[in-house]
């Protein structure tokens, strides 16, 4: 009888153990851990991504280095050229780095730089400059759309190049 009780007790214990679920580290389903940790970032290091539609693909601000480079020449006396229109998005200076020189290699050129569609005075510049070494500035320009007009006001045929807001 004692042996029967012991066998019955073992069978009962074994059957109870089969119903107990023991978690395994080798479970088939992945274990997902959650964290309440937060991080703090400097504002300058945060990257913000925005959605846009086809109607809204124009940039809000055009960085200066994306604005145009230009070249001109030969411009004979009293001849002029107008460069492509560009947007200036806020009140501030428009800076032009330039080079101007005689097309035929002799003489001194005199060029008038005019910011079209602005209330600013034109800037006349007499002299020969190479490698975009000369800088002129139109100060306090209102936001708007402008073009650079280049006029030869001298007697020597002129050529040149430069960049706007470089």
C-alpha atoms as a PDB file:
ATOM      1  CA  UNK A   1       0.000   0.000   0.000  1.00  0.00           C
ATOM      2  CA  UNK A   2       2.836   2.314   0.820  1.00  0.00           C
ATOM      3  CA  UNK A   3       4.315   1.658  -2.564  1.00  0.00           C
ATOM      4  CA  UNK A   4       0.992   2.414  -4.265  1.00  0.00           C
ATOM      5  CA  UNK A   5       0.706   5.730  -2.407  1.00  0.00           C
ATOM      6  CA  UNK A   6       4.217   6.686  -3.399  1.00  0.00           C
ATOM      7  CA  UNK A   7       3.592   5.816  -7.081  1.00  0.00           C
ATOM      8  CA  UNK A   8       0.303   7.683  -7.048  1.00  0.00           C
ATOM      9  CA  UNK A   9       1.999  10.712  -5.478  1.00  0.00           C
ATOM     10  CA  UNK A  10       4.739  10.682  -8.131  1.00  0.00           C
ATOM     11  CA  UNK A  11       2.189  10.422 -10.948  1.00  0.00           C
ATOM     12  CA  UNK A  12       0.172  13.292  -9.504  1.00  0.00           C
ATOM     13  CA  UNK A  13       3.254  15.464  -9.170  1.00  0.00           C
ATOM     14  CA  UNK A  14       4.364  14.666 -12.729  1.00  0.00           C
ATOM     15  CA  UNK A  15       0.948  15.477 -14.166  1.00  0.00           C
ATOM     16  CA  UNK A  16       0.832  18.779 -12.254  1.00  0.00           C
ATOM     17  CA  UNK A  17       4.262  19.756 -13.572  1.00  0.00           C
ATOM     18  CA  UNK A  18       3.079  19.340 -17.177  1.00  0.00           C
ATOM     19  CA  UNK A  19       0.451  22.068 -16.640  1.00  0.00           C
ATOM     20  CA  UNK A  20       2.893  24.598 -15.192  1.00  0.00           C
ATOM     21  CA  UNK A  21       4.328  26.946 -17.829  1.00  0.00           C
ATOM     22  CA  UNK A  22       7.921  27.848 -17.234  1.00  0.00           C
ATOM     23  CA  UNK A  23       9.204  30.787 -19.315  1.00  0.00           C
ATOM     24  CA  UNK A  24      12.211  29.937 -21.368  1.00  0.00           C
ATOM     25  CA  UNK A  25      14.957  32.221 -22.675  1.00  0.00           C
ATOM     26  CA  UNK A  26      14.754  30.151 -25.854  1.00  0.00           C
ATOM     27  CA  UNK A  27      11.104  30.987 -26.537  1.00  0.00           C
ATOM     28  CA  UNK A  28       9.975  31.132 -30.159  1.00  0.00           C
ATOM     29  CA  UNK A  29       8.420  34.603 -29.805  1.00  0.00           C
ATOM     30  CA  UNK A  30      10.831  37.540 -29.467  1.00  0.00           C
ATOM     31  CA  UNK A  31      11.019  39.313 -26.165  1.00  0.00           C
ATOM     32  CA  UNK A  32      10.298  43.043 -26.492  1.00  0.00           C
ATOM     33  CA  UNK A  33      11.692  45.286 -23.821  1.00  0.00           C
ATOM     34  CA  UNK A  34      10.372  48.787 -23.279  1.00  0.00           C
ATOM     35  CA  UNK A  35      12.329  51.655 -21.823  1.00  0.00           C
ATOM     36  CA  UNK A  36      11.256  54.922 -20.245  1.00  0.00           C
ATOM     37  CA  UNK A  37      14.662  56.485 -20.833  1.00  0.00           C
ATOM     38  CA  UNK A  38      14.652  59.961 -22.390  1.00  0.00           C
ATOM     39  CA  UNK A  39      17.467  61.770 -24.135  1.00  0.00           C
ATOM     40  CA  UNK A  40      18.215  65.473 -24.322  1.00  0.00           C
ATOM     41  CA  UNK A  41      19.744  66.979 -27.476  1.00  0.00           C
ATOM     42  CA  UNK A  42      21.043  70.434 -28.249  1.00  0.00           C
ATOM     43  CA  UNK A  43      18.658  72.275 -30.571  1.00  0.00           C
ATOM     44  CA  UNK A  44      21.369  72.619 -33.221  1.00  0.00           C
ATOM     45  CA  UNK A  45      21.721  68.837 -33.474  1.00  0.00           C
ATOM     46  CA  UNK A  46      18.039  68.045 -34.064  1.00  0.00           C
ATOM     47  CA  UNK A  47      17.091  67.172 -37.627  1.00  0.00           C
ATOM     48  CA  UNK A  48      13.515  67.965 -38.609  1.00  0.00           C
ATOM     49  CA  UNK A  49      11.974  66.291 -41.628  1.00  0.00           C
ATOM     50  CA  UNK A  50       8.900  67.827 -43.202  1.00  0.00           C
ATOM     51  CA  UNK A  51       6.451  66.580 -45.785  1.00  0.00           C
ATOM     52  CA  UNK A  52       5.738  68.622 -48.876  1.00  0.00           C
ATOM     53  CA  UNK A  53       3.410  68.537 -51.830  1.00  0.00           C
ATOM     54  CA  UNK A  54       4.115  69.194 -55.485  1.00  0.00           C
ATOM     55  CA  UNK A  55       2.777  72.749 -55.082  1.00  0.00           C
ATOM     56  CA  UNK A  56       5.250  73.489 -52.285  1.00  0.00           C
ATOM     57  CA  UNK A  57       8.629  72.449 -53.675  1.00  0.00           C
ATOM     58  CA  UNK A  58      10.280  75.896 -53.738  1.00  0.00           C
ATOM     59  CA  UNK A  59      12.766  76.530 -50.933  1.00  0.00           C
ATOM     60  CA  UNK A  60      11.885  79.127 -48.320  1.00  0.00           C
ATOM     61  CA  UNK A  61      15.415  80.525 -48.273  1.00  0.00           C
ATOM     62  CA  UNK A  62      17.987  80.198 -51.017  1.00  0.00           C
ATOM     63  CA  UNK A  63      21.445  79.843 -49.483  1.00  0.00           C
ATOM     64  CA  UNK A  64      23.865  82.390 -50.899  1.00  0.00           C
ATOM     65  CA  UNK A  65      26.169  79.754 -52.348  1.00  0.00           C
ATOM     66  CA  UNK A  66      23.295  78.535 -54.546  1.00  0.00           C
ATOM     67  CA  UNK A  67      22.790  81.915 -56.151  1.00  0.00           C
ATOM     68  CA  UNK A  68      24.213  82.570 -59.532  1.00  0.00           C
ATOM     69  CA  UNK A  69      27.664  82.981 -60.891  1.00  0.00           C
ATOM     70  CA  UNK A  70      27.822  85.200 -63.927  1.00  0.00           C
ATOM     71  CA  UNK A  71      30.086  86.194 -66.762  1.00  0.00           C
ATOM     72  CA  UNK A  72      29.895  88.913 -69.367  1.00  0.00           C
ATOM     73  CA  UNK A  73      31.694  90.235 -72.391  1.00  0.00           C
ATOM     74  CA  UNK A  74      32.744  91.471 -74.617  1.00  0.00           C
ATOM     75  CA  UNK A  75      30.805  94.657 -73.814  1.00  0.00           C
ATOM     76  CA  UNK A  76      31.598  97.604 -76.021  1.00  0.00           C
ATOM     77  CA  UNK A  77      31.197 101.203 -74.851  1.00  0.00           C
ATOM     78  CA  UNK A  78      27.636 101.982 -73.623  1.00  0.00           C
ATOM     79  CA  UNK A  79      26.612  98.340 -74.046  1.00  0.00           C
ATOM     80  CA  UNK A  80      24.999  96.448 -71.141  1.00  0.00           C
ATOM     81  CA  UNK A  81      23.829  92.992 -70.090  1.00  0.00           C
ATOM     82  CA  UNK A  82      21.328  91.919 -67.440  1.00  0.00           C
ATOM     83  CA  UNK A  83      21.934  88.713 -65.520  1.00  0.00           C
ATOM     84  CA  UNK A  84      19.256  86.239 -64.386  1.00  0.00           C
ATOM     85  CA  UNK A  85      16.718  87.361 -61.787  1.00  0.00           C
ATOM     86  CA  UNK A  86      17.196  86.045 -58.247  1.00  0.00           C
ATOM     87  CA  UNK A  87      15.260  86.203 -54.971  1.00  0.00           C
ATOM     88  CA  UNK A  88      16.509  88.066 -51.923  1.00  0.00           C
ATOM     89  CA  UNK A  89      14.326  86.799 -49.076  1.00  0.00           C
ATOM     90  CA  UNK A  90      14.926  89.256 -46.263  1.00  0.00           C
ATOM     91  CA  UNK A  91      16.215  92.759 -45.573  1.00  0.00           C
ATOM     92  CA  UNK A  92      20.024  92.796 -45.797  1.00  0.00           C
ATOM     93  CA  UNK A  93      23.093  93.242 -47.955  1.00  0.00           C
ATOM     94  CA  UNK A  94      23.683  91.859 -51.442  1.00  0.00           C
ATOM     95  CA  UNK A  95      27.392  91.285 -52.032  1.00  0.00           C
ATOM     96  CA  UNK A  96      28.993  90.833 -55.423  1.00  0.00           C
ATOM     97  CA  UNK A  97      32.505  89.447 -55.929  1.00  0.00           C
ATOM     98  CA  UNK A  98      33.747  90.372 -59.355  1.00  0.00           C
ATOM     99  CA  UNK A  99      36.492  90.472 -61.928  1.00  0.00           C
ATOM    100  CA  UNK A 100      36.547  92.956 -64.814  1.00  0.00           C
ATOM    101  CA  UNK A 101      39.222  93.436 -67.432  1.00  0.00           C
ATOM    102  CA  UNK A 102      39.808  94.612 -71.006  1.00  0.00           C
ATOM    103  CA  UNK A 103      38.678  92.050 -73.548  1.00  0.00           C
ATOM    104  CA  UNK A 104      41.682  92.733 -75.778  1.00  0.00           C
ATOM    105  CA  UNK A 105      44.261  92.945 -72.985  1.00  0.00           C
ATOM    106  CA  UNK A 106      44.966  96.693 -72.914  1.00  0.00           C
ATOM    107  CA  UNK A 107      43.330  99.744 -71.372  1.00  0.00           C
ATOM    108  CA  UNK A 108      41.307 100.283 -68.217  1.00  0.00           C
ATOM    109  CA  UNK A 109      37.635  99.301 -68.014  1.00  0.00           C
ATOM    110  CA  UNK A 110      34.870 101.266 -66.305  1.00  0.00           C
ATOM    111  CA  UNK A 111      31.743  99.304 -65.422  1.00  0.00           C
ATOM    112  CA  UNK A 112      28.476 100.415 -63.794  1.00  0.00           C
ATOM    113  CA  UNK A 113      26.809  97.738 -61.629  1.00  0.00           C
ATOM    114  CA  UNK A 114      23.084  98.305 -61.108  1.00  0.00           C
ATOM    115  CA  UNK A 115      20.756  96.263 -58.935  1.00  0.00           C
ATOM    116  CA  UNK A 116      17.594  96.278 -61.055  1.00  0.00           C
ATOM    117  CA  UNK A 117      14.211  96.550 -59.303  1.00  0.00           C
ATOM    118  CA  UNK A 118      15.744  98.245 -56.254  1.00  0.00           C
ATOM    119  CA  UNK A 119      15.827 101.780 -54.962  1.00  0.00           C
ATOM    120  CA  UNK A 120      19.621 101.546 -54.559  1.00  0.00           C
ATOM    121  CA  UNK A 121      22.109 103.717 -56.420  1.00  0.00           C
ATOM    122  CA  UNK A 122      24.270 102.068 -59.071  1.00  0.00           C
ATOM    123  CA  UNK A 123      27.924 101.422 -58.263  1.00  0.00           C
ATOM    124  CA  UNK A 124      30.504 102.542 -60.829  1.00  0.00           C
ATOM    125  CA  UNK A 125      33.857 100.800 -60.734  1.00  0.00           C
ATOM    126  CA  UNK A 126      36.861 101.819 -62.850  1.00  0.00           C
ATOM    127  CA  UNK A 127      39.804  99.440 -62.878  1.00  0.00           C
ATOM    128  CA  UNK A 128      41.008  96.032 -63.957  1.00  0.00           C
ATOM    129  CA  UNK A 129      40.454  93.184 -61.500  1.00  0.00           C
ATOM    130  CA  UNK A 130      41.093  89.506 -62.063  1.00  0.00           C
ATOM    131  CA  UNK A 131      40.227  86.321 -60.160  1.00  0.00           C
ATOM    132  CA  UNK A 132      37.083  87.873 -58.594  1.00  0.00           C
ATOM    133  CA  UNK A 133      39.241  89.939 -56.223  1.00  0.00           C
ATOM    134  CA  UNK A 134      36.952  92.960 -55.947  1.00  0.00           C
ATOM    135  CA  UNK A 135      33.837  93.041 -53.756  1.00  0.00           C
ATOM    136  CA  UNK A 136      30.993  95.556 -53.925  1.00  0.00           C
ATOM    137  CA  UNK A 137      27.965  95.657 -51.626  1.00  0.00           C
ATOM    138  CA  UNK A 138      24.449  96.977 -52.012  1.00  0.00           C
ATOM    139  CA  UNK A 139      23.533  97.660 -48.362  1.00  0.00           C
ATOM    140  CA  UNK A 140      20.110  97.428 -46.750  1.00  0.00           C
ATOM    141  CA  UNK A 141      18.256  95.836 -49.660  1.00  0.00           C
ATOM    142  CA  UNK A 142      14.585  94.991 -49.086  1.00  0.00           C
ATOM    143  CA  UNK A 143      13.320  91.466 -49.766  1.00  0.00           C
ATOM    144  CA  UNK A 144      12.366  91.004 -53.399  1.00  0.00           C
ATOM    145  CA  UNK A 145      13.395  89.805 -56.837  1.00  0.00           C
ATOM    146  CA  UNK A 146      16.434  91.468 -58.413  1.00  0.00           C
ATOM    147  CA  UNK A 147      18.778  91.250 -61.374  1.00  0.00           C
ATOM    148  CA  UNK A 148      22.301  92.571 -61.799  1.00  0.00           C
ATOM    149  CA  UNK A 149      22.721  94.895 -64.780  1.00  0.00           C
ATOM    150  CA  UNK A 150      26.304  95.411 -65.977  1.00  0.00           C
ATOM    151  CA  UNK A 151      26.957  98.446 -68.197  1.00  0.00           C
ATOM    152  CA  UNK A 152      30.239  99.429 -69.835  1.00  0.00           C
ATOM    153  CA  UNK A 153      30.528 103.189 -69.165  1.00  0.00           C
ATOM    154  CA  UNK A 154      34.107 103.439 -70.459  1.00  0.00           C
ATOM    155  CA  UNK A 155      35.704 103.380 -73.888  1.00  0.00           C
ATOM    156  CA  UNK A 156      37.553 100.033 -73.557  1.00  0.00           C
ATOM    157  CA  UNK A 157      35.717  96.839 -74.515  1.00  0.00           C
ATOM    158  CA  UNK A 158      35.226  94.878 -71.272  1.00  0.00           C
ATOM    159  CA  UNK A 159      34.723  91.306 -70.089  1.00  0.00           C
ATOM    160  CA  UNK A 160      34.398  89.820 -66.639  1.00  0.00           C
ATOM    161  CA  UNK A 161      32.777  87.364 -64.245  1.00  0.00           C
ATOM    162  CA  UNK A 162      31.762  87.029 -60.620  1.00  0.00           C
ATOM    163  CA  UNK A 163      29.216  85.759 -58.151  1.00  0.00           C
ATOM    164  CA  UNK A 164      26.291  87.295 -56.326  1.00  0.00           C
ATOM    165  CA  UNK A 165      26.156  86.821 -52.545  1.00  0.00           C
ATOM    166  CA  UNK A 166      29.116  84.409 -52.641  1.00  0.00           C
END
